[in-house]
Amino acid sequence: MESDAEAARSSADRLALALEHAGFDVGQEFPALSDAIGHRGTAVVRIGDVLPAVADRLAAALRGDYGDR
């Protein structure tokens, strides 16, 4: 069975791949994307701060409207 920390790591990896598939440069646009242990001792996926333009593109990708990249 996968530990919580392993699950967070796998989830962060899957998210990074999905973002790349949607056309994002994860290293540049989501540099803080990582797995971590949160303040309450639980495993989390950190996405970090993103620029407004990146957030707009992410919102469009989630809506399925890939428009301008």
PDB file of N, CA and C in Angstrom:
ATOM      1  N   MET A   1       0.840  -1.188   0.000  1.00  0.00           N
ATOM      2  CA  MET A   1       0.000   0.000   0.000  1.00  0.00           C
ATOM      3  C   MET A   1       0.883   1.250   0.000  1.00  0.00           C
ATOM      4  N   GLU A   2       0.477   2.235  -0.753  1.00  0.00           N
ATOM      5  CA  GLU A   2       1.239   3.474  -0.904  1.00  0.00           C
ATOM      6  C   GLU A   2       1.072   4.354   0.338  1.00  0.00           C
ATOM      7  N   SER A   3       2.192   4.873   0.849  1.00  0.00           N
ATOM      8  CA  SER A   3       2.115   5.787   1.996  1.00  0.00           C
ATOM      9  C   SER A   3       1.556   7.128   1.531  1.00  0.00           C
ATOM     10  N   ASP A   4       1.156   7.954   2.495  1.00  0.00           N
ATOM     11  CA  ASP A   4       0.643   9.281   2.157  1.00  0.00           C
ATOM     12  C   ASP A   4       1.697  10.104   1.418  1.00  0.00           C
ATOM     13  N   ALA A   5       2.944  10.012   1.861  1.00  0.00           N
ATOM     14  CA  ALA A   5       4.026  10.773   1.212  1.00  0.00           C
ATOM     15  C   ALA A   5       4.232  10.297  -0.223  1.00  0.00           C
ATOM     16  N   GLU A   6       4.189   8.983  -0.430  1.00  0.00           N
ATOM     17  CA  GLU A   6       4.326   8.439  -1.784  1.00  0.00           C
ATOM     18  C   GLU A   6       3.152   8.856  -2.656  1.00  0.00           C
ATOM     19  N   ALA A   7       1.956   8.867  -2.072  1.00  0.00           N
ATOM     20  CA  ALA A   7       0.765   9.283  -2.817  1.00  0.00           C
ATOM     21  C   ALA A   7       0.881  10.745  -3.246  1.00  0.00           C
ATOM     22  N   ALA A   8       1.387  11.599  -2.356  1.00  0.00           N
ATOM     23  CA  ALA A   8       1.571  13.013  -2.696  1.00  0.00           C
ATOM     24  C   ALA A   8       2.598  13.166  -3.807  1.00  0.00           C
ATOM     25  N   ARG A   9       3.672  12.397  -3.750  1.00  0.00           N
ATOM     26  CA  ARG A   9       4.702  12.446  -4.783  1.00  0.00           C
ATOM     27  C   ARG A   9       4.130  12.009  -6.125  1.00  0.00           C
ATOM     28  N   SER A  10       3.372  10.927  -6.124  1.00  0.00           N
ATOM     29  CA  SER A  10       2.747  10.445  -7.357  1.00  0.00           C
ATOM     30  C   SER A  10       1.749  11.462  -7.906  1.00  0.00           C
ATOM     31  N   SER A  11       0.980  12.064  -7.016  1.00  0.00           N
ATOM     32  CA  SER A  11       0.004  13.072  -7.441  1.00  0.00           C
ATOM     33  C   SER A  11       0.696  14.295  -8.039  1.00  0.00           C
ATOM     34  N   ALA A  12       1.788  14.733  -7.423  1.00  0.00           N
ATOM     35  CA  ALA A  12       2.539  15.869  -7.958  1.00  0.00           C
ATOM     36  C   ALA A  12       3.095  15.538  -9.340  1.00  0.00           C
ATOM     37  N   ASP A  13       3.595  14.329  -9.508  1.00  0.00           N
ATOM     38  CA  ASP A  13       4.110  13.906 -10.811  1.00  0.00           C
ATOM     39  C   ASP A  13       3.006  13.869 -11.858  1.00  0.00           C
ATOM     40  N   ARG A  14       1.848  13.317 -11.492  1.00  0.00           N
ATOM     41  CA  ARG A  14       0.726  13.261 -12.442  1.00  0.00           C
ATOM     42  C   ARG A  14       0.254  14.657 -12.821  1.00  0.00           C
ATOM     43  N   LEU A  15       0.207  15.558 -11.843  1.00  0.00           N
ATOM     44  CA  LEU A  15      -0.198  16.932 -12.122  1.00  0.00           C
ATOM     45  C   LEU A  15       0.799  17.598 -13.058  1.00  0.00           C
ATOM     46  N   ALA A  16       2.085  17.420 -12.817  1.00  0.00           N
ATOM     47  CA  ALA A  16       3.110  18.013 -13.686  1.00  0.00           C
ATOM     48  C   ALA A  16       2.961  17.500 -15.117  1.00  0.00           C
ATOM     49  N   LEU A  17       2.739  16.209 -15.278  1.00  0.00           N
ATOM     50  CA  LEU A  17       2.559  15.642 -16.618  1.00  0.00           C
ATOM     51  C   LEU A  17       1.307  16.191 -17.294  1.00  0.00           C
ATOM     52  N   ALA A  18       0.227  16.320 -16.537  1.00  0.00           N
ATOM     53  CA  ALA A  18      -1.012  16.862 -17.101  1.00  0.00           C
ATOM     54  C   ALA A  18      -0.830  18.319 -17.524  1.00  0.00           C
ATOM     55  N   LEU A  19      -0.119  19.089 -16.712  1.00  0.00           N
ATOM     56  CA  LEU A  19       0.147  20.486 -17.063  1.00  0.00           C
ATOM     57  C   LEU A  19       1.002  20.576 -18.320  1.00  0.00           C
ATOM     58  N   GLU A  20       2.028  19.725 -18.421  1.00  0.00           N
ATOM     59  CA  GLU A  20       2.848  19.703 -19.626  1.00  0.00           C
ATOM     60  C   GLU A  20       2.015  19.322 -20.840  1.00  0.00           C
ATOM     61  N   HIS A  21       1.148  18.339 -20.681  1.00  0.00           N
ATOM     62  CA  HIS A  21       0.276  17.906 -21.774  1.00  0.00           C
ATOM     63  C   HIS A  21      -0.630  19.052 -22.240  1.00  0.00           C
ATOM     64  N   ALA A  22      -1.017  19.914 -21.316  1.00  0.00           N
ATOM     65  CA  ALA A  22      -1.877  21.057 -21.648  1.00  0.00           C
ATOM     66  C   ALA A  22      -1.067  22.238 -22.198  1.00  0.00           C
ATOM     67  N   GLY A  23       0.260  22.079 -22.316  1.00  0.00           N
ATOM     68  CA  GLY A  23       1.078  23.113 -22.934  1.00  0.00           C
ATOM     69  C   GLY A  23       1.825  24.024 -21.983  1.00  0.00           C
ATOM     70  N   PHE A  24       1.825  23.712 -20.697  1.00  0.00           N
ATOM     71  CA  PHE A  24       2.534  24.543 -19.727  1.00  0.00           C
ATOM     72  C   PHE A  24       3.991  24.109 -19.618  1.00  0.00           C
ATOM     73  N   ASP A  25       4.862  25.054 -19.356  1.00  0.00           N
ATOM     74  CA  ASP A  25       6.254  24.773 -19.030  1.00  0.00           C
ATOM     75  C   ASP A  25       6.312  24.720 -17.508  1.00  0.00           C
ATOM     76  N   VAL A  26       6.192  23.522 -16.975  1.00  0.00           N
ATOM     77  CA  VAL A  26       6.043  23.361 -15.525  1.00  0.00           C
ATOM     78  C   VAL A  26       7.216  23.959 -14.759  1.00  0.00           C
ATOM     79  N   GLY A  27       8.424  23.755 -15.242  1.00  0.00           N
ATOM     80  CA  GLY A  27       9.596  24.281 -14.551  1.00  0.00           C
ATOM     81  C   GLY A  27       9.615  25.803 -14.472  1.00  0.00           C
ATOM     82  N   GLN A  28       9.077  26.454 -15.493  1.00  0.00           N
ATOM     83  CA  GLN A  28       9.052  27.911 -15.522  1.00  0.00           C
ATOM     84  C   GLN A  28       7.788  28.488 -14.904  1.00  0.00           C
ATOM     85  N   GLU A  29       6.647  27.867 -15.195  1.00  0.00           N
ATOM     86  CA  GLU A  29       5.360  28.442 -14.803  1.00  0.00           C
ATOM     87  C   GLU A  29       4.834  27.931 -13.458  1.00  0.00           C
ATOM     88  N   PHE A  30       5.323  26.773 -13.025  1.00  0.00           N
ATOM     89  CA  PHE A  30       4.941  26.196 -11.730  1.00  0.00           C
ATOM     90  C   PHE A  30       6.195  25.711 -11.005  1.00  0.00           C
ATOM     91  N   PRO A  31       7.164  26.612 -10.767  1.00  0.00           N
ATOM     92  CA  PRO A  31       8.445  26.165 -10.198  1.00  0.00           C
ATOM     93  C   PRO A  31       8.333  25.577  -8.795  1.00  0.00           C
ATOM     94  N   ALA A  32       7.284  25.892  -8.077  1.00  0.00           N
ATOM     95  CA  ALA A  32       7.139  25.377  -6.706  1.00  0.00           C
ATOM     96  C   ALA A  32       6.329  24.081  -6.641  1.00  0.00           C
ATOM     97  N   LEU A  33       5.881  23.571  -7.782  1.00  0.00           N
ATOM     98  CA  LEU A  33       5.079  22.340  -7.778  1.00  0.00           C
ATOM     99  C   LEU A  33       5.904  21.208  -7.178  1.00  0.00           C
ATOM    100  N   SER A  34       5.406  20.661  -6.065  1.00  0.00           N
ATOM    101  CA  SER A  34       6.145  19.609  -5.368  1.00  0.00           C
ATOM    102  C   SER A  34       5.249  18.907  -4.361  1.00  0.00           C
ATOM    103  N   ASP A  35       5.739  17.778  -3.891  1.00  0.00           N
ATOM    104  CA  ASP A  35       5.075  17.102  -2.778  1.00  0.00           C
ATOM    105  C   ASP A  35       5.768  17.565  -1.504  1.00  0.00           C
ATOM    106  N   ALA A  36       5.038  17.545  -0.404  1.00  0.00           N
ATOM    107  CA  ALA A  36       5.592  18.012   0.869  1.00  0.00           C
ATOM    108  C   ALA A  36       4.767  17.452   2.017  1.00  0.00           C
ATOM    109  N   ILE A  37       5.249  17.678   3.201  1.00  0.00           N
ATOM    110  CA  ILE A  37       4.484  17.391   4.415  1.00  0.00           C
ATOM    111  C   ILE A  37       3.983  18.736   4.922  1.00  0.00           C
ATOM    112  N   GLY A  38       2.667  18.879   5.014  1.00  0.00           N
ATOM    113  CA  GLY A  38       2.050  20.145   5.381  1.00  0.00           C
ATOM    114  C   GLY A  38       2.189  20.465   6.863  1.00  0.00           C
ATOM    115  N   HIS A  39       1.635  21.603   7.244  1.00  0.00           N
ATOM    116  CA  HIS A  39       1.741  22.107   8.614  1.00  0.00           C
ATOM    117  C   HIS A  39       1.155  21.154   9.654  1.00  0.00           C
ATOM    118  N   ARG A  40       0.160  20.402   9.276  1.00  0.00           N
ATOM    119  CA  ARG A  40      -0.476  19.483  10.231  1.00  0.00           C
ATOM    120  C   ARG A  40       0.080  18.065  10.130  1.00  0.00           C
ATOM    121  N   GLY A  41       1.194  17.922   9.416  1.00  0.00           N
ATOM    122  CA  GLY A  41       1.823  16.616   9.306  1.00  0.00           C
ATOM    123  C   GLY A  41       1.227  15.720   8.236  1.00  0.00           C
ATOM    124  N   THR A  42       0.365  16.268   7.394  1.00  0.00           N
ATOM    125  CA  THR A  42      -0.222  15.468   6.326  1.00  0.00           C
ATOM    126  C   THR A  42       0.501  15.734   5.012  1.00  0.00           C
ATOM    127  N   ALA A  43       0.528  14.734   4.171  1.00  0.00           N
ATOM    128  CA  ALA A  43       1.149  14.868   2.863  1.00  0.00           C
ATOM    129  C   ALA A  43       0.280  15.770   1.987  1.00  0.00           C
ATOM    130  N   VAL A  44       0.921  16.667   1.258  1.00  0.00           N
ATOM    131  CA  VAL A  44       0.214  17.609   0.394  1.00  0.00           C
ATOM    132  C   VAL A  44       0.955  17.749  -0.936  1.00  0.00           C
ATOM    133  N   VAL A  45       0.260  18.327  -1.915  1.00  0.00           N
ATOM    134  CA  VAL A  45       0.886  18.739  -3.165  1.00  0.00           C
ATOM    135  C   VAL A  45       0.851  20.258  -3.171  1.00  0.00           C
ATOM    136  N   ARG A  46       2.013  20.862  -3.286  1.00  0.00           N
ATOM    137  CA  ARG A  46       2.106  22.324  -3.326  1.00  0.00           C
ATOM    138  C   ARG A  46       2.190  22.768  -4.779  1.00  0.00           C
ATOM    139  N   ILE A  47       1.361  23.720  -5.122  1.00  0.00           N
ATOM    140  CA  ILE A  47       1.358  24.251  -6.484  1.00  0.00           C
ATOM    141  C   ILE A  47       2.144  25.555  -6.543  1.00  0.00           C
ATOM    142  N   GLY A  48       2.078  26.356  -5.510  1.00  0.00           N
ATOM    143  CA  GLY A  48       2.848  27.582  -5.438  1.00  0.00           C
ATOM    144  C   GLY A  48       2.173  28.760  -6.118  1.00  0.00           C
ATOM    145  N   ASP A  49       2.873  29.870  -6.126  1.00  0.00           N
ATOM    146  CA  ASP A  49       2.380  31.098  -6.740  1.00  0.00           C
ATOM    147  C   ASP A  49       2.572  31.033  -8.247  1.00  0.00           C
ATOM    148  N   VAL A  50       1.579  31.510  -8.987  1.00  0.00           N
ATOM    149  CA  VAL A  50       1.688  31.587 -10.443  1.00  0.00           C
ATOM    150  C   VAL A  50       1.299  32.988 -10.894  1.00  0.00           C
ATOM    151  N   LEU A  51       1.828  33.389 -12.023  1.00  0.00           N
ATOM    152  CA  LEU A  51       1.486  34.686 -12.589  1.00  0.00           C
ATOM    153  C   LEU A  51       0.025  34.697 -13.025  1.00  0.00           C
ATOM    154  N   PRO A  52      -0.612  35.862 -13.033  1.00  0.00           N
ATOM    155  CA  PRO A  52      -2.012  35.944 -13.446  1.00  0.00           C
ATOM    156  C   PRO A  52      -2.265  35.348 -14.841  1.00  0.00           C
ATOM    157  N   ALA A  53      -1.367  35.589 -15.775  1.00  0.00           N
ATOM    158  CA  ALA A  53      -1.551  35.042 -17.129  1.00  0.00           C
ATOM    159  C   ALA A  53      -1.529  33.511 -17.120  1.00  0.00           C
ATOM    160  N   VAL A  54      -0.678  32.936 -16.283  1.00  0.00           N
ATOM    161  CA  VAL A  54      -0.613  31.476 -16.163  1.00  0.00           C
ATOM    162  C   VAL A  54      -1.901  30.960 -15.528  1.00  0.00           C
ATOM    163  N   ALA A  55      -2.392  31.649 -14.514  1.00  0.00           N
ATOM    164  CA  ALA A  55      -3.656  31.259 -13.881  1.00  0.00           C
ATOM    165  C   ALA A  55      -4.805  31.319 -14.883  1.00  0.00           C
ATOM    166  N   ASP A  56      -4.809  32.330 -15.739  1.00  0.00           N
ATOM    167  CA  ASP A  56      -5.855  32.433 -16.764  1.00  0.00           C
ATOM    168  C   ASP A  56      -5.772  31.273 -17.744  1.00  0.00           C
ATOM    169  N   ARG A  57      -4.547  30.914 -18.147  1.00  0.00           N
ATOM    170  CA  ARG A  57      -4.386  29.771 -19.061  1.00  0.00           C
ATOM    171  C   ARG A  57      -4.799  28.466 -18.386  1.00  0.00           C
ATOM    172  N   LEU A  58      -4.483  28.331 -17.116  1.00  0.00           N
ATOM    173  CA  LEU A  58      -4.877  27.133 -16.373  1.00  0.00           C
ATOM    174  C   LEU A  58      -6.397  27.048 -16.285  1.00  0.00           C
ATOM    175  N   ALA A  59      -7.047  28.167 -16.002  1.00  0.00           N
ATOM    176  CA  ALA A  59      -8.512  28.190 -15.943  1.00  0.00           C
ATOM    177  C   ALA A  59      -9.105  27.795 -17.292  1.00  0.00           C
ATOM    178  N   ALA A  60      -8.538  28.311 -18.378  1.00  0.00           N
ATOM    179  CA  ALA A  60      -9.023  27.963 -19.714  1.00  0.00           C
ATOM    180  C   ALA A  60      -8.820  26.479 -19.992  1.00  0.00           C
ATOM    181  N   ALA A  61      -7.670  25.931 -19.570  1.00  0.00           N
ATOM    182  CA  ALA A  61      -7.402  24.511 -19.776  1.00  0.00           C
ATOM    183  C   ALA A  61      -8.391  23.652 -19.000  1.00  0.00           C
ATOM    184  N   LEU A  62      -8.714  24.062 -17.789  1.00  0.00           N
ATOM    185  CA  LEU A  62      -9.672  23.304 -16.983  1.00  0.00           C
ATOM    186  C   LEU A  62     -11.077  23.354 -17.576  1.00  0.00           C
ATOM    187  N   ARG A  63     -11.380  24.450 -18.242  1.00  0.00           N
ATOM    188  CA  ARG A  63     -12.667  24.572 -18.926  1.00  0.00           C
ATOM    189  C   ARG A  63     -12.670  23.820 -20.247  1.00  0.00           C
ATOM    190  N   GLY A  64     -11.478  23.441 -20.734  1.00  0.00           N
ATOM    191  CA  GLY A  64     -11.385  22.748 -22.012  1.00  0.00           C
ATOM    192  C   GLY A  64     -11.201  23.707 -23.182  1.00  0.00           C
ATOM    193  N   ASP A  65     -10.986  24.989 -22.906  1.00  0.00           N
ATOM    194  CA  ASP A  65     -10.786  26.001 -23.938  1.00  0.00           C
ATOM    195  C   ASP A  65      -9.308  26.363 -23.957  1.00  0.00           C
ATOM    196  N   TYR A  66      -8.530  25.714 -24.815  1.00  0.00           N
ATOM    197  CA  TYR A  66      -7.084  25.898 -24.794  1.00  0.00           C
ATOM    198  C   TYR A  66      -6.631  27.179 -25.467  1.00  0.00           C
ATOM    199  N   GLY A  67      -7.441  27.804 -26.288  1.00  0.00           N
ATOM    200  CA  GLY A  67      -7.193  29.117 -26.878  1.00  0.00           C
ATOM    201  C   GLY A  67      -5.748  29.475 -27.081  1.00  0.00           C
ATOM    202  N   ASP A  68      -5.390  30.722 -26.789  1.00  0.00           N
ATOM    203  CA  ASP A  68      -4.028  31.218 -26.956  1.00  0.00           C
ATOM    204  C   ASP A  68      -3.128  30.646 -25.874  1.00  0.00           C
ATOM    205  N   ARG A  69      -1.935  30.286 -26.267  1.00  0.00           N
ATOM    206  CA  ARG A  69      -0.946  29.795 -25.299  1.00  0.00           C
ATOM    207  C   ARG A  69       0.184  30.750 -25.281  1.00  0.00           C
TER     208      ARG A  69
END
